[in-house]
Amino acid sequence: MASVMIGLALFLTTGGHLAILQGVAWTNMVRDFAKTESIGTALEKTFDGQHPCQLCKTITETGAGKKDDGMASAKIKLGEFVDQAHCKLPAPADKPFQYPRAALIKPAEISFAPPVPVPIFVG
């Protein structure tokens, strides 16, 4: 049940309901235009942007208003937490980064003899 609610919240947050309404509006527009004209002309009028229906206008206003208000409030909130004047990145280094070299140790210096007497596992 929780995953369904999360999915529904994500769907509504991303504007999925507006996409469904837009599909309904386009279907109605094609149907209405096809009553008086050919199907090709009806499709052309539907998707050319010159003949929007009332539902299309409402969807455009709702979607555009949401995005503008959201961006404005996000900028205000960001300004509260981050002072933009002091948010500069440091200048890049003058020379390219080099990893430090590993110490040069000879294998003979790091090898060791096994313990004497050799341990025997008794299980």
PDB file of N, CA and C in Angstrom:
ATOM      1  N   MET A   1       0.819  -1.188   0.000  1.00  0.00           N
ATOM      2  CA  MET A   1       0.000   0.000   0.000  1.00  0.00           C
ATOM      3  C   MET A   1       0.867   1.258   0.000  1.00  0.00           C
ATOM      4  N   ALA A   2       1.971   1.201   0.751  1.00  0.00           N
ATOM      5  CA  ALA A   2       2.856   2.362   0.826  1.00  0.00           C
ATOM      6  C   ALA A   2       3.490   2.651  -0.520  1.00  0.00           C
ATOM      7  N   SER A   3       3.878   1.598  -1.259  1.00  0.00           N
ATOM      8  CA  SER A   3       4.498   1.823  -2.556  1.00  0.00           C
ATOM      9  C   SER A   3       3.507   2.422  -3.548  1.00  0.00           C
ATOM     10  N   VAL A   4       2.245   2.069  -3.427  1.00  0.00           N
ATOM     11  CA  VAL A   4       1.214   2.664  -4.297  1.00  0.00           C
ATOM     12  C   VAL A   4       1.067   4.149  -3.975  1.00  0.00           C
ATOM     13  N   MET A   5       1.066   4.480  -2.705  1.00  0.00           N
ATOM     14  CA  MET A   5       0.941   5.882  -2.301  1.00  0.00           C
ATOM     15  C   MET A   5       2.161   6.690  -2.732  1.00  0.00           C
ATOM     16  N   ILE A   6       3.339   6.102  -2.612  1.00  0.00           N
ATOM     17  CA  ILE A   6       4.558   6.788  -3.056  1.00  0.00           C
ATOM     18  C   ILE A   6       4.517   6.990  -4.565  1.00  0.00           C
ATOM     19  N   GLY A   7       4.085   5.973  -5.289  1.00  0.00           N
ATOM     20  CA  GLY A   7       3.979   6.096  -6.739  1.00  0.00           C
ATOM     21  C   GLY A   7       2.980   7.164  -7.147  1.00  0.00           C
ATOM     22  N   LEU A   8       1.834   7.225  -6.458  1.00  0.00           N
ATOM     23  CA  LEU A   8       0.835   8.245  -6.745  1.00  0.00           C
ATOM     24  C   LEU A   8       1.369   9.643  -6.444  1.00  0.00           C
ATOM     25  N   ALA A   9       2.072   9.783  -5.326  1.00  0.00           N
ATOM     26  CA  ALA A   9       2.653  11.081  -4.975  1.00  0.00           C
ATOM     27  C   ALA A   9       3.676  11.511  -6.020  1.00  0.00           C
ATOM     28  N   LEU A  10       4.507  10.591  -6.474  1.00  0.00           N
ATOM     29  CA  LEU A  10       5.496  10.912  -7.500  1.00  0.00           C
ATOM     30  C   LEU A  10       4.816  11.288  -8.812  1.00  0.00           C
ATOM     31  N   PHE A  11       3.765  10.557  -9.164  1.00  0.00           N
ATOM     32  CA  PHE A  11       3.013  10.839 -10.384  1.00  0.00           C
ATOM     33  C   PHE A  11       2.420  12.247 -10.352  1.00  0.00           C
ATOM     34  N   LEU A  12       1.820  12.612  -9.232  1.00  0.00           N
ATOM     35  CA  LEU A  12       1.214  13.937  -9.116  1.00  0.00           C
ATOM     36  C   LEU A  12       2.262  15.034  -9.019  1.00  0.00           C
ATOM     37  N   THR A  13       3.360  14.769  -8.337  1.00  0.00           N
ATOM     38  CA  THR A  13       4.418  15.758  -8.188  1.00  0.00           C
ATOM     39  C   THR A  13       5.063  16.105  -9.518  1.00  0.00           C
ATOM     40  N   THR A  14       5.248  15.116 -10.370  1.00  0.00           N
ATOM     41  CA  THR A  14       5.898  15.358 -11.659  1.00  0.00           C
ATOM     42  C   THR A  14       4.938  15.857 -12.726  1.00  0.00           C
ATOM     43  N   GLY A  15       3.658  16.030 -12.385  1.00  0.00           N
ATOM     44  CA  GLY A  15       2.701  16.578 -13.332  1.00  0.00           C
ATOM     45  C   GLY A  15       2.075  15.531 -14.228  1.00  0.00           C
ATOM     46  N   GLY A  16       2.034  14.300 -13.799  1.00  0.00           N
ATOM     47  CA  GLY A  16       1.436  13.235 -14.596  1.00  0.00           C
ATOM     48  C   GLY A  16      -0.040  13.460 -14.846  1.00  0.00           C
ATOM     49  N   HIS A  17      -0.727  14.043 -13.859  1.00  0.00           N
ATOM     50  CA  HIS A  17      -2.152  14.319 -14.036  1.00  0.00           C
ATOM     51  C   HIS A  17      -2.383  15.335 -15.147  1.00  0.00           C
ATOM     52  N   LEU A  18      -1.440  16.299 -15.300  1.00  0.00           N
ATOM     53  CA  LEU A  18      -1.561  17.269 -16.390  1.00  0.00           C
ATOM     54  C   LEU A  18      -1.340  16.611 -17.749  1.00  0.00           C
ATOM     55  N   ALA A  19      -0.454  15.625 -17.806  1.00  0.00           N
ATOM     56  CA  ALA A  19      -0.226  14.911 -19.061  1.00  0.00           C
ATOM     57  C   ALA A  19      -1.467  14.131 -19.471  1.00  0.00           C
ATOM     58  N   ILE A  20      -2.140  13.522 -18.501  1.00  0.00           N
ATOM     59  CA  ILE A  20      -3.369  12.793 -18.812  1.00  0.00           C
ATOM     60  C   ILE A  20      -4.454  13.765 -19.284  1.00  0.00           C
ATOM     61  N   LEU A  21      -4.600  14.902 -18.606  1.00  0.00           N
ATOM     62  CA  LEU A  21      -5.577  15.896 -19.032  1.00  0.00           C
ATOM     63  C   LEU A  21      -5.261  16.421 -20.431  1.00  0.00           C
ATOM     64  N   GLN A  22      -3.974  16.607 -20.734  1.00  0.00           N
ATOM     65  CA  GLN A  22      -3.599  17.076 -22.062  1.00  0.00           C
ATOM     66  C   GLN A  22      -3.983  16.049 -23.121  1.00  0.00           C
ATOM     67  N   GLY A  23      -3.800  14.776 -22.821  1.00  0.00           N
ATOM     68  CA  GLY A  23      -4.205  13.727 -23.757  1.00  0.00           C
ATOM     69  C   GLY A  23      -5.703  13.730 -24.000  1.00  0.00           C
ATOM     70  N   VAL A  24      -6.475  13.941 -22.926  1.00  0.00           N
ATOM     71  CA  VAL A  24      -7.933  14.034 -23.062  1.00  0.00           C
ATOM     72  C   VAL A  24      -8.303  15.250 -23.910  1.00  0.00           C
ATOM     73  N   ALA A  25      -7.624  16.373 -23.665  1.00  0.00           N
ATOM     74  CA  ALA A  25      -7.916  17.586 -24.439  1.00  0.00           C
ATOM     75  C   ALA A  25      -7.615  17.372 -25.919  1.00  0.00           C
ATOM     76  N   TRP A  26      -6.483  16.761 -26.235  1.00  0.00           N
ATOM     77  CA  TRP A  26      -6.146  16.518 -27.643  1.00  0.00           C
ATOM     78  C   TRP A  26      -7.155  15.585 -28.301  1.00  0.00           C
ATOM     79  N   THR A  27      -7.587  14.567 -27.566  1.00  0.00           N
ATOM     80  CA  THR A  27      -8.579  13.632 -28.120  1.00  0.00           C
ATOM     81  C   THR A  27      -9.884  14.358 -28.428  1.00  0.00           C
ATOM     82  N   ASN A  28     -10.324  15.192 -27.506  1.00  0.00           N
ATOM     83  CA  ASN A  28     -11.552  15.955 -27.734  1.00  0.00           C
ATOM     84  C   ASN A  28     -11.392  16.929 -28.891  1.00  0.00           C
ATOM     85  N   MET A  29     -10.226  17.550 -29.008  1.00  0.00           N
ATOM     86  CA  MET A  29     -10.001  18.493 -30.108  1.00  0.00           C
ATOM     87  C   MET A  29     -10.039  17.779 -31.456  1.00  0.00           C
ATOM     88  N   VAL A  30      -9.379  16.631 -31.544  1.00  0.00           N
ATOM     89  CA  VAL A  30      -9.396  15.877 -32.797  1.00  0.00           C
ATOM     90  C   VAL A  30     -10.833  15.488 -33.137  1.00  0.00           C
ATOM     91  N   ARG A  31     -11.587  15.023 -32.146  1.00  0.00           N
ATOM     92  CA  ARG A  31     -12.981  14.638 -32.375  1.00  0.00           C
ATOM     93  C   ARG A  31     -13.807  15.822 -32.869  1.00  0.00           C
ATOM     94  N   ASP A  32     -13.650  16.978 -32.208  1.00  0.00           N
ATOM     95  CA  ASP A  32     -14.442  18.156 -32.585  1.00  0.00           C
ATOM     96  C   ASP A  32     -14.063  18.675 -33.970  1.00  0.00           C
ATOM     97  N   PHE A  33     -12.769  18.740 -34.265  1.00  0.00           N
ATOM     98  CA  PHE A  33     -12.340  19.227 -35.581  1.00  0.00           C
ATOM     99  C   PHE A  33     -12.728  18.243 -36.687  1.00  0.00           C
ATOM    100  N   ALA A  34     -12.728  16.950 -36.386  1.00  0.00           N
ATOM    101  CA  ALA A  34     -13.042  15.941 -37.402  1.00  0.00           C
ATOM    102  C   ALA A  34     -14.530  15.951 -37.770  1.00  0.00           C
ATOM    103  N   LYS A  35     -15.365  16.570 -36.968  1.00  0.00           N
ATOM    104  CA  LYS A  35     -16.789  16.650 -37.308  1.00  0.00           C
ATOM    105  C   LYS A  35     -17.021  17.517 -38.532  1.00  0.00           C
ATOM    106  N   THR A  36     -16.180  18.527 -38.729  1.00  0.00           N
ATOM    107  CA  THR A  36     -16.390  19.465 -39.834  1.00  0.00           C
ATOM    108  C   THR A  36     -15.317  19.370 -40.917  1.00  0.00           C
ATOM    109  N   GLU A  37     -14.168  18.742 -40.601  1.00  0.00           N
ATOM    110  CA  GLU A  37     -13.064  18.698 -41.562  1.00  0.00           C
ATOM    111  C   GLU A  37     -12.518  17.283 -41.651  1.00  0.00           C
ATOM    112  N   SER A  38     -11.531  17.088 -42.539  1.00  0.00           N
ATOM    113  CA  SER A  38     -10.926  15.764 -42.683  1.00  0.00           C
ATOM    114  C   SER A  38     -10.076  15.444 -41.454  1.00  0.00           C
ATOM    115  N   ILE A  39      -9.753  14.165 -41.303  1.00  0.00           N
ATOM    116  CA  ILE A  39      -8.979  13.745 -40.132  1.00  0.00           C
ATOM    117  C   ILE A  39      -7.573  14.353 -40.175  1.00  0.00           C
ATOM    118  N   GLY A  40      -6.995  14.476 -41.356  1.00  0.00           N
ATOM    119  CA  GLY A  40      -5.662  15.087 -41.477  1.00  0.00           C
ATOM    120  C   GLY A  40      -5.662  16.532 -41.029  1.00  0.00           C
ATOM    121  N   THR A  41      -6.663  17.283 -41.474  1.00  0.00           N
ATOM    122  CA  THR A  41      -6.778  18.692 -41.069  1.00  0.00           C
ATOM    123  C   THR A  41      -7.066  18.791 -39.570  1.00  0.00           C
ATOM    124  N   ALA A  42      -7.877  17.882 -39.054  1.00  0.00           N
ATOM    125  CA  ALA A  42      -8.191  17.886 -37.626  1.00  0.00           C
ATOM    126  C   ALA A  42      -6.934  17.650 -36.796  1.00  0.00           C
ATOM    127  N   LEU A  43      -6.104  16.687 -37.218  1.00  0.00           N
ATOM    128  CA  LEU A  43      -4.840  16.434 -36.503  1.00  0.00           C
ATOM    129  C   LEU A  43      -3.904  17.627 -36.611  1.00  0.00           C
ATOM    130  N   GLU A  44      -3.843  18.231 -37.794  1.00  0.00           N
ATOM    131  CA  GLU A  44      -2.963  19.386 -37.983  1.00  0.00           C
ATOM    132  C   GLU A  44      -3.401  20.546 -37.086  1.00  0.00           C
ATOM    133  N   LYS A  45      -4.698  20.837 -37.036  1.00  0.00           N
ATOM    134  CA  LYS A  45      -5.195  21.921 -36.188  1.00  0.00           C
ATOM    135  C   LYS A  45      -4.987  21.618 -34.703  1.00  0.00           C
ATOM    136  N   THR A  46      -5.099  20.347 -34.352  1.00  0.00           N
ATOM    137  CA  THR A  46      -4.938  19.971 -32.946  1.00  0.00           C
ATOM    138  C   THR A  46      -3.525  20.234 -32.456  1.00  0.00           C
ATOM    139  N   PHE A  47      -2.536  19.900 -33.279  1.00  0.00           N
ATOM    140  CA  PHE A  47      -1.148  19.948 -32.812  1.00  0.00           C
ATOM    141  C   PHE A  47      -0.344  21.136 -33.321  1.00  0.00           C
ATOM    142  N   ASP A  48      -0.967  22.080 -34.039  1.00  0.00           N
ATOM    143  CA  ASP A  48      -0.194  23.217 -34.534  1.00  0.00           C
ATOM    144  C   ASP A  48      -0.016  24.324 -33.501  1.00  0.00           C
ATOM    145  N   GLY A  49      -0.807  24.305 -32.435  1.00  0.00           N
ATOM    146  CA  GLY A  49      -0.676  25.310 -31.388  1.00  0.00           C
ATOM    147  C   GLY A  49      -1.437  26.587 -31.677  1.00  0.00           C
ATOM    148  N   GLN A  50      -2.055  26.699 -32.836  1.00  0.00           N
ATOM    149  CA  GLN A  50      -2.789  27.904 -33.205  1.00  0.00           C
ATOM    150  C   GLN A  50      -4.258  27.842 -32.789  1.00  0.00           C
ATOM    151  N   HIS A  51      -4.761  26.656 -32.480  1.00  0.00           N
ATOM    152  CA  HIS A  51      -6.184  26.485 -32.168  1.00  0.00           C
ATOM    153  C   HIS A  51      -6.367  25.765 -30.826  1.00  0.00           C
ATOM    154  N   PRO A  52      -5.872  26.322 -29.716  1.00  0.00           N
ATOM    155  CA  PRO A  52      -6.022  25.604 -28.440  1.00  0.00           C
ATOM    156  C   PRO A  52      -7.461  25.697 -27.928  1.00  0.00           C
ATOM    157  N   CYS A  53      -7.879  24.639 -27.263  1.00  0.00           N
ATOM    158  CA  CYS A  53      -9.204  24.643 -26.639  1.00  0.00           C
ATOM    159  C   CYS A  53      -9.087  25.245 -25.238  1.00  0.00           C
ATOM    160  N   GLN A  54     -10.213  25.404 -24.578  1.00  0.00           N
ATOM    161  CA  GLN A  54     -10.200  25.993 -23.238  1.00  0.00           C
ATOM    162  C   GLN A  54      -9.440  25.117 -22.249  1.00  0.00           C
ATOM    163  N   LEU A  55      -9.581  23.797 -22.365  1.00  0.00           N
ATOM    164  CA  LEU A  55      -8.874  22.885 -21.463  1.00  0.00           C
ATOM    165  C   LEU A  55      -7.362  22.994 -21.653  1.00  0.00           C
ATOM    166  N   CYS A  56      -6.920  23.127 -22.921  1.00  0.00           N
ATOM    167  CA  CYS A  56      -5.485  23.284 -23.187  1.00  0.00           C
ATOM    168  C   CYS A  56      -4.943  24.566 -22.562  1.00  0.00           C
ATOM    169  N   LYS A  57      -5.711  25.636 -22.655  1.00  0.00           N
ATOM    170  CA  LYS A  57      -5.283  26.909 -22.057  1.00  0.00           C
ATOM    171  C   LYS A  57      -5.174  26.775 -20.539  1.00  0.00           C
ATOM    172  N   THR A  58      -6.137  26.107 -19.940  1.00  0.00           N
ATOM    173  CA  THR A  58      -6.122  25.918 -18.483  1.00  0.00           C
ATOM    174  C   THR A  58      -4.929  25.070 -18.059  1.00  0.00           C
ATOM    175  N   ILE A  59      -4.655  24.008 -18.814  1.00  0.00           N
ATOM    176  CA  ILE A  59      -3.520  23.136 -18.484  1.00  0.00           C
ATOM    177  C   ILE A  59      -2.212  23.910 -18.607  1.00  0.00           C
ATOM    178  N   THR A  60      -2.083  24.719 -19.651  1.00  0.00           N
ATOM    179  CA  THR A  60      -0.858  25.499 -19.849  1.00  0.00           C
ATOM    180  C   THR A  60      -0.661  26.490 -18.706  1.00  0.00           C
ATOM    181  N   GLU A  61      -1.733  27.169 -18.319  1.00  0.00           N
ATOM    182  CA  GLU A  61      -1.626  28.126 -17.212  1.00  0.00           C
ATOM    183  C   GLU A  61      -1.275  27.430 -15.902  1.00  0.00           C
ATOM    184  N   THR A  62      -1.901  26.297 -15.642  1.00  0.00           N
ATOM    185  CA  THR A  62      -1.648  25.558 -14.401  1.00  0.00           C
ATOM    186  C   THR A  62      -0.221  25.052 -14.360  1.00  0.00           C
ATOM    187  N   GLY A  63       0.247  24.460 -15.448  1.00  0.00           N
ATOM    188  CA  GLY A  63       1.604  23.919 -15.492  1.00  0.00           C
ATOM    189  C   GLY A  63       2.650  25.005 -15.422  1.00  0.00           C
ATOM    190  N   ALA A  64       2.458  26.104 -16.156  1.00  0.00           N
ATOM    191  CA  ALA A  64       3.442  27.183 -16.163  1.00  0.00           C
ATOM    192  C   ALA A  64       3.478  27.894 -14.821  1.00  0.00           C
ATOM    193  N   GLY A  65       2.323  28.112 -14.210  1.00  0.00           N
ATOM    194  CA  GLY A  65       2.275  28.776 -12.915  1.00  0.00           C
ATOM    195  C   GLY A  65       2.960  27.965 -11.843  1.00  0.00           C
ATOM    196  N   LYS A  66       2.774  26.655 -11.872  1.00  0.00           N
ATOM    197  CA  LYS A  66       3.400  25.788 -10.881  1.00  0.00           C
ATOM    198  C   LYS A  66       4.911  25.851 -10.981  1.00  0.00           C
ATOM    199  N   LYS A  67       5.434  25.767 -12.202  1.00  0.00           N
ATOM    200  CA  LYS A  67       6.883  25.748 -12.379  1.00  0.00           C
ATOM    201  C   LYS A  67       7.499  27.077 -11.970  1.00  0.00           C
ATOM    202  N   ASP A  68       6.868  28.198 -12.343  1.00  0.00           N
ATOM    203  CA  ASP A  68       7.415  29.498 -11.994  1.00  0.00           C
ATOM    204  C   ASP A  68       7.411  29.711 -10.486  1.00  0.00           C
ATOM    205  N   ASP A  69       6.294  29.378  -9.838  1.00  0.00           N
ATOM    206  CA  ASP A  69       6.216  29.556  -8.392  1.00  0.00           C
ATOM    207  C   ASP A  69       7.225  28.665  -7.684  1.00  0.00           C
ATOM    208  N   GLY A  70       7.391  27.457  -8.163  1.00  0.00           N
ATOM    209  CA  GLY A  70       8.331  26.528  -7.550  1.00  0.00           C
ATOM    210  C   GLY A  70       9.762  27.008  -7.683  1.00  0.00           C
ATOM    211  N   MET A  71      10.119  27.500  -8.849  1.00  0.00           N
ATOM    212  CA  MET A  71      11.480  27.985  -9.048  1.00  0.00           C
ATOM    213  C   MET A  71      11.741  29.237  -8.221  1.00  0.00           C
ATOM    214  N   ALA A  72      10.762  30.126  -8.142  1.00  0.00           N
ATOM    215  CA  ALA A  72      10.938  31.349  -7.356  1.00  0.00           C
ATOM    216  C   ALA A  72      11.125  31.014  -5.881  1.00  0.00           C
ATOM    217  N   SER A  73      10.307  30.106  -5.368  1.00  0.00           N
ATOM    218  CA  SER A  73      10.436  29.757  -3.956  1.00  0.00           C
ATOM    219  C   SER A  73      11.732  29.003  -3.691  1.00  0.00           C
ATOM    220  N   ALA A  74      12.180  28.198  -4.664  1.00  0.00           N
ATOM    221  CA  ALA A  74      13.452  27.490  -4.491  1.00  0.00           C
ATOM    222  C   ALA A  74      14.613  28.475  -4.433  1.00  0.00           C
ATOM    223  N   LYS A  75      14.575  29.517  -5.250  1.00  0.00           N
ATOM    224  CA  LYS A  75      15.647  30.517  -5.232  1.00  0.00           C
ATOM    225  C   LYS A  75      15.639  31.280  -3.913  1.00  0.00           C
ATOM    226  N   ILE A  76      14.464  31.595  -3.412  1.00  0.00           N
ATOM    227  CA  ILE A  76      14.372  32.298  -2.128  1.00  0.00           C
ATOM    228  C   ILE A  76      14.923  31.422  -1.013  1.00  0.00           C
ATOM    229  N   LYS A  77      14.532  30.154  -0.999  1.00  0.00           N
ATOM    230  CA  LYS A  77      15.012  29.245   0.034  1.00  0.00           C
ATOM    231  C   LYS A  77      16.511  29.044  -0.064  1.00  0.00           C
ATOM    232  N   LEU A  78      17.033  28.951  -1.287  1.00  0.00           N
ATOM    233  CA  LEU A  78      18.473  28.788  -1.461  1.00  0.00           C
ATOM    234  C   LEU A  78      19.209  30.017  -0.949  1.00  0.00           C
ATOM    235  N   GLY A  79      18.651  31.200  -1.191  1.00  0.00           N
ATOM    236  CA  GLY A  79      19.272  32.432  -0.719  1.00  0.00           C
ATOM    237  C   GLY A  79      19.326  32.518   0.790  1.00  0.00           C
ATOM    238  N   GLU A  80      18.370  31.886   1.464  1.00  0.00           N
ATOM    239  CA  GLU A  80      18.374  31.904   2.921  1.00  0.00           C
ATOM    240  C   GLU A  80      19.534  31.091   3.503  1.00  0.00           C
ATOM    241  N   PHE A  81      19.892  30.010   2.826  1.00  0.00           N
ATOM    242  CA  PHE A  81      20.901  29.109   3.377  1.00  0.00           C
ATOM    243  C   PHE A  81      22.299  29.342   2.813  1.00  0.00           C
ATOM    244  N   VAL A  82      22.398  29.845   1.614  1.00  0.00           N
ATOM    245  CA  VAL A  82      23.697  30.006   0.978  1.00  0.00           C
ATOM    246  C   VAL A  82      23.852  31.456   0.554  1.00  0.00           C
ATOM    247  N   ASP A  83      24.871  32.100   1.066  1.00  0.00           N
ATOM    248  CA  ASP A  83      25.150  33.465   0.655  1.00  0.00           C
ATOM    249  C   ASP A  83      25.867  33.410  -0.695  1.00  0.00           C
ATOM    250  N   GLN A  84      25.253  33.918  -1.723  1.00  0.00           N
ATOM    251  CA  GLN A  84      25.773  33.777  -3.083  1.00  0.00           C
ATOM    252  C   GLN A  84      27.104  34.512  -3.284  1.00  0.00           C
ATOM    253  N   ALA A  85      27.361  35.584  -2.538  1.00  0.00           N
ATOM    254  CA  ALA A  85      28.597  36.337  -2.719  1.00  0.00           C
ATOM    255  C   ALA A  85      29.820  35.552  -2.257  1.00  0.00           C
ATOM    256  N   HIS A  86      29.660  34.665  -1.276  1.00  0.00           N
ATOM    257  CA  HIS A  86      30.785  33.923  -0.724  1.00  0.00           C
ATOM    258  C   HIS A  86      30.832  32.490  -1.234  1.00  0.00           C
ATOM    259  N   CYS A  87      30.151  32.207  -2.293  1.00  0.00           N
ATOM    260  CA  CYS A  87      30.031  30.846  -2.785  1.00  0.00           C
ATOM    261  C   CYS A  87      30.892  30.645  -4.031  1.00  0.00           C
ATOM    262  N   LYS A  88      32.140  31.063  -3.980  1.00  0.00           N
ATOM    263  CA  LYS A  88      33.021  30.937  -5.138  1.00  0.00           C
ATOM    264  C   LYS A  88      33.936  29.739  -4.965  1.00  0.00           C
ATOM    265  N   LEU A  89      34.208  29.076  -6.061  1.00  0.00           N
ATOM    266  CA  LEU A  89      35.111  27.934  -6.030  1.00  0.00           C
ATOM    267  C   LEU A  89      36.556  28.412  -5.984  1.00  0.00           C
ATOM    268  N   PRO A  90      37.434  27.661  -5.353  1.00  0.00           N
ATOM    269  CA  PRO A  90      38.841  28.067  -5.347  1.00  0.00           C
ATOM    270  C   PRO A  90      39.439  27.934  -6.747  1.00  0.00           C
ATOM    271  N   ALA A  91      40.492  28.704  -6.982  1.00  0.00           N
ATOM    272  CA  ALA A  91      41.165  28.658  -8.282  1.00  0.00           C
ATOM    273  C   ALA A  91      41.838  27.294  -8.450  1.00  0.00           C
ATOM    274  N   PRO A  92      41.921  26.800  -9.679  1.00  0.00           N
ATOM    275  CA  PRO A  92      42.573  25.502  -9.886  1.00  0.00           C
ATOM    276  C   PRO A  92      44.067  25.578  -9.566  1.00  0.00           C
ATOM    277  N   ALA A  93      44.661  24.457  -9.258  1.00  0.00           N
ATOM    278  CA  ALA A  93      46.082  24.404  -8.915  1.00  0.00           C
ATOM    279  C   ALA A  93      46.935  24.777 -10.123  1.00  0.00           C
ATOM    280  N   ASP A  94      48.124  25.323  -9.840  1.00  0.00           N
ATOM    281  CA  ASP A  94      49.018  25.732 -10.926  1.00  0.00           C
ATOM    282  C   ASP A  94      49.601  24.545 -11.662  1.00  0.00           C
ATOM    283  N   LYS A  95      49.823  23.447 -10.963  1.00  0.00           N
ATOM    284  CA  LYS A  95      50.407  22.272 -11.602  1.00  0.00           C
ATOM    285  C   LYS A  95      49.472  21.084 -11.443  1.00  0.00           C
ATOM    286  N   PRO A  96      49.550  20.114 -12.322  1.00  0.00           N
ATOM    287  CA  PRO A  96      48.647  18.964 -12.213  1.00  0.00           C
ATOM    288  C   PRO A  96      48.956  18.138 -10.957  1.00  0.00           C
ATOM    289  N   PHE A  97      47.944  17.491 -10.459  1.00  0.00           N
ATOM    290  CA  PHE A  97      48.076  16.676  -9.259  1.00  0.00           C
ATOM    291  C   PHE A  97      48.900  15.434  -9.552  1.00  0.00           C
ATOM    292  N   GLN A  98      49.801  15.086  -8.632  1.00  0.00           N
ATOM    293  CA  GLN A  98      50.593  13.868  -8.764  1.00  0.00           C
ATOM    294  C   GLN A  98      50.432  13.065  -7.478  1.00  0.00           C
ATOM    295  N   TYR A  99      50.197  11.798  -7.652  1.00  0.00           N
ATOM    296  CA  TYR A  99      50.119  10.924  -6.492  1.00  0.00           C
ATOM    297  C   TYR A  99      51.512  10.775  -5.889  1.00  0.00           C
ATOM    298  N   PRO A 100      51.613  10.658  -4.562  1.00  0.00           N
ATOM    299  CA  PRO A 100      52.927  10.461  -3.962  1.00  0.00           C
ATOM    300  C   PRO A 100      53.477   9.086  -4.338  1.00  0.00           C
ATOM    301  N   ARG A 101      54.777   9.036  -4.496  1.00  0.00           N
ATOM    302  CA  ARG A 101      55.411   7.773  -4.885  1.00  0.00           C
ATOM    303  C   ARG A 101      55.466   6.821  -3.698  1.00  0.00           C
ATOM    304  N   ALA A 102      55.364   5.557  -4.013  1.00  0.00           N
ATOM    305  CA  ALA A 102      55.462   4.543  -2.974  1.00  0.00           C
ATOM    306  C   ALA A 102      56.918   4.423  -2.530  1.00  0.00           C
ATOM    307  N   ALA A 103      57.093   4.062  -1.284  1.00  0.00           N
ATOM    308  CA  ALA A 103      58.455   3.884  -0.775  1.00  0.00           C
ATOM    309  C   ALA A 103      59.106   2.715  -1.508  1.00  0.00           C
ATOM    310  N   LEU A 104      60.357   2.907  -1.885  1.00  0.00           N
ATOM    311  CA  LEU A 104      61.083   1.850  -2.602  1.00  0.00           C
ATOM    312  C   LEU A 104      61.706   0.901  -1.590  1.00  0.00           C
ATOM    313  N   ILE A 105      61.042  -0.199  -1.345  1.00  0.00           N
ATOM    314  CA  ILE A 105      61.537  -1.211  -0.415  1.00  0.00           C
ATOM    315  C   ILE A 105      61.764  -2.481  -1.211  1.00  0.00           C
ATOM    316  N   LYS A 106      62.916  -3.073  -0.993  1.00  0.00           N
ATOM    317  CA  LYS A 106      63.245  -4.301  -1.704  1.00  0.00           C
ATOM    318  C   LYS A 106      62.477  -5.461  -1.086  1.00  0.00           C
ATOM    319  N   PRO A 107      62.063  -6.441  -1.907  1.00  0.00           N
ATOM    320  CA  PRO A 107      61.315  -7.582  -1.365  1.00  0.00           C
ATOM    321  C   PRO A 107      62.084  -8.327  -0.283  1.00  0.00           C
ATOM    322  N   ALA A 108      63.390  -8.372  -0.389  1.00  0.00           N
ATOM    323  CA  ALA A 108      64.173  -9.086   0.628  1.00  0.00           C
ATOM    324  C   ALA A 108      64.035  -8.405   1.989  1.00  0.00           C
ATOM    325  N   GLU A 109      63.814  -7.115   2.003  1.00  0.00           N
ATOM    326  CA  GLU A 109      63.705  -6.398   3.261  1.00  0.00           C
ATOM    327  C   GLU A 109      62.355  -6.631   3.946  1.00  0.00           C
ATOM    328  N   ILE A 110      61.322  -6.961   3.170  1.00  0.00           N
ATOM    329  CA  ILE A 110      60.016  -7.156   3.776  1.00  0.00           C
ATOM    330  C   ILE A 110      59.656  -8.618   3.993  1.00  0.00           C
ATOM    331  N   SER A 111      60.472  -9.530   3.478  1.00  0.00           N
ATOM    332  CA  SER A 111      60.167 -10.942   3.673  1.00  0.00           C
ATOM    333  C   SER A 111      60.622 -11.366   5.062  1.00  0.00           C
ATOM    334  N   PHE A 112      60.026 -12.386   5.573  1.00  0.00           N
ATOM    335  CA  PHE A 112      60.395 -12.890   6.890  1.00  0.00           C
ATOM    336  C   PHE A 112      60.284 -14.402   6.864  1.00  0.00           C
ATOM    337  N   ALA A 113      60.996 -14.984   7.757  1.00  0.00           N
ATOM    338  CA  ALA A 113      61.021 -16.445   7.832  1.00  0.00           C
ATOM    339  C   ALA A 113      59.785 -16.920   8.583  1.00  0.00           C
ATOM    340  N   PRO A 114      59.329 -18.139   8.284  1.00  0.00           N
ATOM    341  CA  PRO A 114      58.179 -18.667   9.012  1.00  0.00           C
ATOM    342  C   PRO A 114      58.567 -18.942  10.461  1.00  0.00           C
ATOM    343  N   PRO A 115      57.590 -18.987  11.338  1.00  0.00           N
ATOM    344  CA  PRO A 115      57.916 -19.242  12.738  1.00  0.00           C
ATOM    345  C   PRO A 115      58.499 -20.641  12.925  1.00  0.00           C
ATOM    346  N   VAL A 116      59.390 -20.728  13.898  1.00  0.00           N
ATOM    347  CA  VAL A 116      60.026 -22.022  14.175  1.00  0.00           C
ATOM    348  C   VAL A 116      59.592 -22.436  15.569  1.00  0.00           C
ATOM    349  N   PRO A 117      59.178 -23.535  15.822  1.00  0.00           N
ATOM    350  CA  PRO A 117      58.755 -24.596  14.913  1.00  0.00           C
ATOM    351  C   PRO A 117      57.462 -24.221  14.208  1.00  0.00           C
ATOM    352  N   VAL A 118      57.233 -24.821  13.048  1.00  0.00           N
ATOM    353  CA  VAL A 118      56.054 -24.549  12.264  1.00  0.00           C
ATOM    354  C   VAL A 118      54.833 -25.053  13.016  1.00  0.00           C
ATOM    355  N   PRO A 119      53.797 -24.177  13.177  1.00  0.00           N
ATOM    356  CA  PRO A 119      52.616 -24.629  13.915  1.00  0.00           C
ATOM    357  C   PRO A 119      51.853 -25.681  13.167  1.00  0.00           C
ATOM    358  N   ILE A 120      51.362 -26.651  13.891  1.00  0.00           N
ATOM    359  CA  ILE A 120      50.597 -27.745  13.291  1.00  0.00           C
ATOM    360  C   ILE A 120      49.185 -27.658  13.823  1.00  0.00           C
ATOM    361  N   PHE A 121      48.234 -27.704  12.900  1.00  0.00           N
ATOM    362  CA  PHE A 121      46.836 -27.646  13.291  1.00  0.00           C
ATOM    363  C   PHE A 121      46.358 -29.012  13.685  1.00  0.00           C
ATOM    364  N   VAL A 122      45.840 -29.116  14.873  1.00  0.00           N
ATOM    365  CA  VAL A 122      45.309 -30.380  15.349  1.00  0.00           C
ATOM    366  C   VAL A 122      43.808 -30.160  15.508  1.00  0.00           C
ATOM    367  N   GLY A 123      43.040 -30.822  14.710  1.00  0.00           N
ATOM    368  CA  GLY A 123      41.603 -30.569  14.734  1.00  0.00           C
ATOM    369  C   GLY A 123      40.823 -31.628  15.254  1.00  0.00           C
TER     370      GLY A 123
END
